[in-house]
C-alpha atoms as a PDB file:
ATOM      1  CA  MET A   1     -21.972  41.471 -12.521  1.00  0.00           C
ATOM      2  CA  ASN A   2     -19.363  38.803 -13.219  1.00  0.00           C
ATOM      3  CA  GLN A   3     -17.086  40.186 -10.529  1.00  0.00           C
ATOM      4  CA  LYS A   4     -19.857  39.886  -7.919  1.00  0.00           C
ATOM      5  CA  ILE A   5     -20.526  36.284  -8.888  1.00  0.00           C
ATOM      6  CA  ILE A   6     -16.830  35.435  -8.734  1.00  0.00           C
ATOM      7  CA  LEU A   7     -16.493  37.050  -5.306  1.00  0.00           C
ATOM      8  CA  LEU A   8     -19.566  35.197  -4.081  1.00  0.00           C
ATOM      9  CA  PHE A   9     -18.141  31.841  -5.188  1.00  0.00           C
ATOM     10  CA  LEU A  10     -14.741  32.646  -3.678  1.00  0.00           C
ATOM     11  CA  PHE A  11     -16.386  33.536  -0.391  1.00  0.00           C
ATOM     12  CA  LEU A  12     -18.521  30.395  -0.354  1.00  0.00           C
ATOM     13  CA  PHE A  13     -15.605  28.087  -1.156  1.00  0.00           C
ATOM     14  CA  THR A  14     -13.024  29.663   1.158  1.00  0.00           C
ATOM     15  CA  PHE A  15     -15.247  30.304   4.167  1.00  0.00           C
ATOM     16  CA  PRO A  16     -15.208  26.673   5.406  1.00  0.00           C
ATOM     17  CA  LEU A  17     -11.413  26.593   5.120  1.00  0.00           C
ATOM     18  CA  VAL A  18     -11.079  29.509   7.497  1.00  0.00           C
ATOM     19  CA  HIS A  19     -13.081  27.769  10.203  1.00  0.00           C
ATOM     20  CA  ALA A  20     -11.383  24.370   9.868  1.00  0.00           C
ATOM     21  CA  ASP A  21      -8.712  23.467  12.400  1.00  0.00           C
ATOM     22  CA  ILE A  22      -6.164  21.887  10.087  1.00  0.00           C
ATOM     23  CA  GLY A  23      -4.024  20.462  12.895  1.00  0.00           C
ATOM     24  CA  ASP A  24      -6.933  18.598  14.445  1.00  0.00           C
ATOM     25  CA  THR A  25      -8.053  17.352  11.029  1.00  0.00           C
ATOM     26  CA  ILE A  26      -4.589  16.007  10.173  1.00  0.00           C
ATOM     27  CA  LYS A  27      -4.338  14.352  13.593  1.00  0.00           C
ATOM     28  CA  THR A  28      -7.707  12.639  13.112  1.00  0.00           C
ATOM     29  CA  VAL A  29      -6.773  11.392   9.640  1.00  0.00           C
ATOM     30  CA  TRP A  30      -3.388  10.141  10.873  1.00  0.00           C
ATOM     31  CA  GLU A  31      -5.017   8.236  13.771  1.00  0.00           C
ATOM     32  CA  SER A  32      -7.448   6.635  11.315  1.00  0.00           C
ATOM     33  CA  VAL A  33      -4.581   5.505   9.079  1.00  0.00           C
ATOM     34  CA  LEU A  34      -2.703   4.059  12.053  1.00  0.00           C
ATOM     35  CA  SER A  35      -5.762   2.206  13.333  1.00  0.00           C
ATOM     36  CA  VAL A  36      -6.259   0.585   9.923  1.00  0.00           C
ATOM     37  CA  GLY A  37      -2.570  -0.289   9.698  1.00  0.00           C
ATOM     38  CA  SER A  38      -2.567  -1.890  13.144  1.00  0.00           C
ATOM     39  CA  LEU A  39      -5.799  -3.826  12.377  1.00  0.00           C
ATOM     40  CA  GLN A  40      -7.500  -2.450  15.495  1.00  0.00           C
ATOM     41  CA  PHE A  41     -10.789  -2.202  13.619  1.00  0.00           C
ATOM     42  CA  LEU A  42     -10.776  -6.019  13.398  1.00  0.00           C
ATOM     43  CA  GLY A  43     -10.179  -6.408  17.120  1.00  0.00           C
ATOM     44  CA  ILE A  44      -6.665  -7.763  16.678  1.00  0.00           C
ATOM     45  CA  THR A  45      -4.183  -7.066  19.465  1.00  0.00           C
ATOM     46  CA  PRO A  46      -0.596  -6.107  18.569  1.00  0.00           C
ATOM     47  CA  ASP A  47       0.750  -9.541  19.584  1.00  0.00           C
ATOM     48  CA  THR A  48      -1.789 -11.332  17.424  1.00  0.00           C
ATOM     49  CA  ALA A  49      -1.037  -8.973  14.534  1.00  0.00           C
ATOM     50  CA  VAL A  50       2.650  -9.913  14.603  1.00  0.00           C
ATOM     51  CA  VAL A  51       1.814 -13.620  14.538  1.00  0.00           C
ATOM     52  CA  ALA A  52      -0.692 -13.150  11.702  1.00  0.00           C
ATOM     53  CA  PHE A  53       1.758 -11.050   9.683  1.00  0.00           C
ATOM     54  CA  THR A  54       4.472 -13.682  10.177  1.00  0.00           C
ATOM     55  CA  ARG A  55       2.118 -16.404   8.948  1.00  0.00           C
ATOM     56  CA  ILE A  56       1.284 -14.355   5.858  1.00  0.00           C
ATOM     57  CA  LEU A  57       4.984 -13.840   5.148  1.00  0.00           C
ATOM     58  CA  LEU A  58       5.645 -17.570   5.523  1.00  0.00           C
ATOM     59  CA  VAL A  59       2.818 -18.417   3.106  1.00  0.00           C
ATOM     60  CA  ILE A  60       4.209 -15.971   0.545  1.00  0.00           C
ATOM     61  CA  PHE A  61       7.704 -17.412   1.033  1.00  0.00           C
ATOM     62  CA  VAL A  62       6.547 -21.009   0.567  1.00  0.00           C
ATOM     63  CA  PHE A  63       4.493 -20.032  -2.482  1.00  0.00           C
ATOM     64  CA  ALA A  64       7.510 -18.294  -4.009  1.00  0.00           C
ATOM     65  CA  ILE A  65       9.724 -21.306  -3.405  1.00  0.00           C
ATOM     66  CA  LEU A  66       7.241 -23.863  -4.749  1.00  0.00           C
ATOM     67  CA  PHE A  67       6.232 -21.967  -7.859  1.00  0.00           C
ATOM     68  CA  GLY A  68       9.497 -20.159  -8.518  1.00  0.00           C
ATOM     69  CA  VAL A  69      11.603 -23.240  -8.984  1.00  0.00           C
END
């Protein structure tokens, strides 16, 4: 009886893995990570992102100079 239950659980847990296209899933996850990293979800263009990132770096630099000395 235990062997049938174990086989049933193995079948139920491995069946979705057989039907998943792992390449497409990885591609979708990678595109999501890149879109978050490029701030596209905020509507920021690449040129604006560079300017914003530079401003953030300058603020951190000034903060470090003012409070580090």
